[in-house]
Amino acid sequence: VLGTNSVRIGNSPTIRCETFGSPQPKIIQWTFESAAVLPQLNKTILPNGRSTFPLADLSELQIREVNKSDEGRYYCWASLADKVITKSATLFVIVPPTVQETSQAVLEGSTATLSCTGSNFFSCLWSFKSRPIVS
């Protein structure tokens, strides 16, 4: 469905574009950011489906096993009589936070550095011996 979509990394979303009008519009192209979406290893433009509405056209873009490089704005282009119309969808790829387990030997009084990484609105809460660490 067009609009804003969030999907977890590794999942396989389908973006659906349905256009309406008289005469019936024809979906002619999908683009990602400013480049045409061509069938690739993980992107497939599904054959036009049947809309449940008269004078409508339906197209779906399936992205298999999304990764961060698939994140961005997708456009569906359709021709309607003598003009071209466009609809857009923004795809956010959610990468869960991870903690790298490492062993460090440090001298008492020295600094040890631990890291927590992720994307799209995450935060790490640290604790030591079940007590939160407040910075």
C-alpha atoms as a PDB file:
ATOM      1  CA  VAL A   1       0.000   0.000   0.000  1.00  0.00           C
ATOM      2  CA  LEU A   2       1.372   3.414  -0.900  1.00  0.00           C
ATOM      3  CA  GLY A   3       2.250   5.780   1.918  1.00  0.00           C
ATOM      4  CA  THR A   4       4.820   5.183   4.637  1.00  0.00           C
ATOM      5  CA  ASN A   5       5.761   1.603   5.357  1.00  0.00           C
ATOM      6  CA  SER A   6       8.189   0.219   7.937  1.00  0.00           C
ATOM      7  CA  VAL A   7       9.549  -3.275   7.540  1.00  0.00           C
ATOM      8  CA  ARG A   8      12.106  -5.266   9.490  1.00  0.00           C
ATOM      9  CA  ILE A   9      15.347  -6.105   7.679  1.00  0.00           C
ATOM     10  CA  GLY A  10      15.098  -9.490   5.949  1.00  0.00           C
ATOM     11  CA  ASN A  11      11.302  -9.350   5.482  1.00  0.00           C
ATOM     12  CA  SER A  12       9.687  -9.251   2.030  1.00  0.00           C
ATOM     13  CA  PRO A  13       7.160  -6.414   1.627  1.00  0.00           C
ATOM     14  CA  THR A  14       4.884  -5.814  -1.348  1.00  0.00           C
ATOM     15  CA  ILE A  15       4.080  -2.220  -2.310  1.00  0.00           C
ATOM     16  CA  ARG A  16       0.695  -1.969  -4.003  1.00  0.00           C
ATOM     17  CA  CYS A  17      -0.254   0.796  -6.415  1.00  0.00           C
ATOM     18  CA  GLU A  18      -3.827   1.205  -7.594  1.00  0.00           C
ATOM     19  CA  THR A  19      -4.909   4.012  -9.885  1.00  0.00           C
ATOM     20  CA  PHE A  20      -8.418   5.126 -10.815  1.00  0.00           C
ATOM     21  CA  GLY A  21      -9.797   7.319 -13.570  1.00  0.00           C
ATOM     22  CA  SER A  22     -11.717   7.667 -16.760  1.00  0.00           C
ATOM     23  CA  PRO A  23     -10.455   6.620 -19.166  1.00  0.00           C
ATOM     24  CA  GLN A  24      -8.859   3.785 -17.196  1.00  0.00           C
ATOM     25  CA  PRO A  25      -5.252   4.659 -16.296  1.00  0.00           C
ATOM     26  CA  LYS A  26      -2.389   2.321 -17.153  1.00  0.00           C
ATOM     27  CA  ILE A  27       0.517   1.871 -14.744  1.00  0.00           C
ATOM     28  CA  ILE A  28       3.626   2.214 -16.846  1.00  0.00           C
ATOM     29  CA  GLN A  29       6.617   2.274 -14.510  1.00  0.00           C
ATOM     30  CA  TRP A  30       8.034   1.946 -10.991  1.00  0.00           C
ATOM     31  CA  THR A  31      10.986   4.055  -9.862  1.00  0.00           C
ATOM     32  CA  PHE A  32      13.137   4.052  -6.735  1.00  0.00           C
ATOM     33  CA  GLU A  33      14.316   7.547  -5.786  1.00  0.00           C
ATOM     34  CA  SER A  34      15.095   8.741  -9.347  1.00  0.00           C
ATOM     35  CA  ALA A  35      16.045   5.454 -11.057  1.00  0.00           C
ATOM     36  CA  ALA A  36      13.764   3.001 -12.835  1.00  0.00           C
ATOM     37  CA  VAL A  37      13.081  -0.206 -10.913  1.00  0.00           C
ATOM     38  CA  LEU A  38      14.203  -3.012 -13.115  1.00  0.00           C
ATOM     39  CA  PRO A  39      13.699  -6.648 -12.208  1.00  0.00           C
ATOM     40  CA  GLN A  40      16.681  -7.462  -9.998  1.00  0.00           C
ATOM     41  CA  LEU A  41      17.665 -10.251  -7.686  1.00  0.00           C
ATOM     42  CA  ASN A  42      15.413  -8.974  -4.923  1.00  0.00           C
ATOM     43  CA  LYS A  43      12.862  -6.781  -6.771  1.00  0.00           C
ATOM     44  CA  THR A  44       9.996  -8.099  -8.868  1.00  0.00           C
ATOM     45  CA  ILE A  45       7.196  -6.165 -10.533  1.00  0.00           C
ATOM     46  CA  LEU A  46       4.281  -8.558 -10.304  1.00  0.00           C
ATOM     47  CA  PRO A  47       1.968  -8.954 -13.289  1.00  0.00           C
ATOM     48  CA  ASN A  48      -0.875  -6.466 -13.177  1.00  0.00           C
ATOM     49  CA  GLY A  49      -3.589  -7.781 -10.939  1.00  0.00           C
ATOM     50  CA  ARG A  50      -7.304  -7.299 -11.090  1.00  0.00           C
ATOM     51  CA  SER A  51      -8.621  -4.353  -9.215  1.00  0.00           C
ATOM     52  CA  THR A  52     -11.928  -4.688  -7.445  1.00  0.00           C
ATOM     53  CA  PHE A  53     -12.897  -1.275  -8.830  1.00  0.00           C
ATOM     54  CA  PRO A  54     -13.966  -0.439 -12.385  1.00  0.00           C
ATOM     55  CA  LEU A  55     -11.717   1.923 -14.381  1.00  0.00           C
ATOM     56  CA  ALA A  56      -8.708   1.066 -12.208  1.00  0.00           C
ATOM     57  CA  ASP A  57      -5.280  -0.452 -12.751  1.00  0.00           C
ATOM     58  CA  LEU A  58      -3.270  -2.345 -10.149  1.00  0.00           C
ATOM     59  CA  SER A  59       0.445  -3.068  -9.953  1.00  0.00           C
ATOM     60  CA  GLU A  60       2.554  -4.506  -7.146  1.00  0.00           C
ATOM     61  CA  LEU A  61       6.264  -4.252  -6.457  1.00  0.00           C
ATOM     62  CA  GLN A  62       7.655  -7.068  -4.351  1.00  0.00           C
ATOM     63  CA  ILE A  63      10.997  -6.644  -2.574  1.00  0.00           C
ATOM     64  CA  ARG A  64      12.475  -9.871  -1.256  1.00  0.00           C
ATOM     65  CA  GLU A  65      14.602  -9.855   1.888  1.00  0.00           C
ATOM     66  CA  VAL A  66      14.955  -6.082   2.245  1.00  0.00           C
ATOM     67  CA  ASN A  67      18.180  -4.494   3.395  1.00  0.00           C
ATOM     68  CA  LYS A  68      19.143  -0.892   4.201  1.00  0.00           C
ATOM     69  CA  SER A  69      19.888  -0.098   0.541  1.00  0.00           C
ATOM     70  CA  ASP A  70      16.187  -0.731  -0.259  1.00  0.00           C
ATOM     71  CA  GLU A  71      15.136   2.091   2.094  1.00  0.00           C
ATOM     72  CA  GLY A  72      13.770   5.222   0.415  1.00  0.00           C
ATOM     73  CA  ARG A  73      10.949   6.510  -1.759  1.00  0.00           C
ATOM     74  CA  TYR A  74       9.291   4.386  -4.458  1.00  0.00           C
ATOM     75  CA  TYR A  75       7.109   5.893  -7.178  1.00  0.00           C
ATOM     76  CA  CYS A  76       4.382   4.352  -9.282  1.00  0.00           C
ATOM     77  CA  TRP A  77       3.844   6.139 -12.622  1.00  0.00           C
ATOM     78  CA  ALA A  78       0.624   5.833 -14.621  1.00  0.00           C
ATOM     79  CA  SER A  79      -0.668   7.351 -17.825  1.00  0.00           C
ATOM     80  CA  LEU A  80      -4.173   8.779 -17.891  1.00  0.00           C
ATOM     81  CA  ALA A  81      -5.307  10.110 -21.258  1.00  0.00           C
ATOM     82  CA  ASP A  82      -2.735  12.801 -22.101  1.00  0.00           C
ATOM     83  CA  LYS A  83      -1.111  13.174 -18.683  1.00  0.00           C
ATOM     84  CA  VAL A  84       1.095  11.152 -16.342  1.00  0.00           C
ATOM     85  CA  ILE A  85       0.226  10.784 -12.673  1.00  0.00           C
ATOM     86  CA  THR A  86       2.443   9.517  -9.883  1.00  0.00           C
ATOM     87  CA  LYS A  87       1.974   8.053  -6.411  1.00  0.00           C
ATOM     88  CA  SER A  88       4.700   7.446  -3.878  1.00  0.00           C
ATOM     89  CA  ALA A  89       5.540   5.154  -0.981  1.00  0.00           C
ATOM     90  CA  THR A  90       8.327   5.586   1.537  1.00  0.00           C
ATOM     91  CA  LEU A  91       9.949   2.431   2.820  1.00  0.00           C
ATOM     92  CA  PHE A  92      11.827   2.429   6.144  1.00  0.00           C
ATOM     93  CA  VAL A  93      13.954  -0.630   6.915  1.00  0.00           C
ATOM     94  CA  ILE A  94      14.133  -1.353  10.630  1.00  0.00           C
ATOM     95  CA  VAL A  95      17.383  -2.856  11.854  1.00  0.00           C
ATOM     96  CA  PRO A  96      17.063  -4.119  15.424  1.00  0.00           C
ATOM     97  CA  PRO A  97      19.766  -2.972  17.818  1.00  0.00           C
ATOM     98  CA  THR A  98      22.579  -5.403  18.489  1.00  0.00           C
ATOM     99  CA  VAL A  99      25.191  -5.587  21.163  1.00  0.00           C
ATOM    100  CA  GLN A 100      28.614  -6.876  20.208  1.00  0.00           C
ATOM    101  CA  GLU A 101      29.829  -9.216  22.864  1.00  0.00           C
ATOM    102  CA  THR A 102      33.510  -8.651  23.458  1.00  0.00           C
ATOM    103  CA  SER A 103      35.954  -9.471  26.155  1.00  0.00           C
ATOM    104  CA  GLN A 104      38.158  -6.681  27.381  1.00  0.00           C
ATOM    105  CA  ALA A 105      40.952  -6.757  29.889  1.00  0.00           C
ATOM    106  CA  VAL A 106      41.361  -3.340  31.466  1.00  0.00           C
ATOM    107  CA  LEU A 107      43.336  -2.092  34.376  1.00  0.00           C
ATOM    108  CA  GLU A 108      41.402  -0.817  37.338  1.00  0.00           C
ATOM    109  CA  GLY A 109      40.716   2.877  36.838  1.00  0.00           C
ATOM    110  CA  SER A 110      41.006   2.579  33.015  1.00  0.00           C
ATOM    111  CA  THR A 111      38.181   3.142  30.542  1.00  0.00           C
ATOM    112  CA  ALA A 112      36.329   0.257  28.859  1.00  0.00           C
ATOM    113  CA  THR A 113      34.223   1.055  25.780  1.00  0.00           C
ATOM    114  CA  LEU A 114      31.108  -0.961  24.832  1.00  0.00           C
ATOM    115  CA  SER A 115      28.963  -0.298  21.778  1.00  0.00           C
ATOM    116  CA  CYS A 116      25.327  -0.708  20.814  1.00  0.00           C
ATOM    117  CA  THR A 117      24.253  -0.187  17.180  1.00  0.00           C
ATOM    118  CA  GLY A 118      20.993  -0.078  15.273  1.00  0.00           C
ATOM    119  CA  SER A 119      18.896   2.271  13.157  1.00  0.00           C
ATOM    120  CA  ASN A 120      15.607   4.132  12.921  1.00  0.00           C
ATOM    121  CA  PHE A 121      14.691   5.384  16.349  1.00  0.00           C
ATOM    122  CA  PHE A 122      16.364   3.044  18.770  1.00  0.00           C
ATOM    123  CA  SER A 123      18.055   3.576  22.084  1.00  0.00           C
ATOM    124  CA  CYS A 124      20.232   1.396  24.268  1.00  0.00           C
ATOM    125  CA  LEU A 125      19.771   1.115  27.991  1.00  0.00           C
ATOM    126  CA  TRP A 126      22.806  -0.146  29.854  1.00  0.00           C
ATOM    127  CA  SER A 127      22.795  -1.927  33.189  1.00  0.00           C
ATOM    128  CA  PHE A 128      25.386  -3.439  35.491  1.00  0.00           C
ATOM    129  CA  LYS A 129      24.441  -6.187  37.946  1.00  0.00           C
ATOM    130  CA  SER A 130      20.769  -5.576  37.066  1.00  0.00           C
ATOM    131  CA  ARG A 131      20.979  -1.872  37.932  1.00  0.00           C
ATOM    132  CA  PRO A 132      20.549   0.794  35.220  1.00  0.00           C
ATOM    133  CA  ILE A 133      23.566   2.876  34.348  1.00  0.00           C
ATOM    134  CA  VAL A 134      22.631   6.548  34.128  1.00  0.00           C
ATOM    135  CA  SER A 135      24.990   8.848  32.269  1.00  0.00           C
END
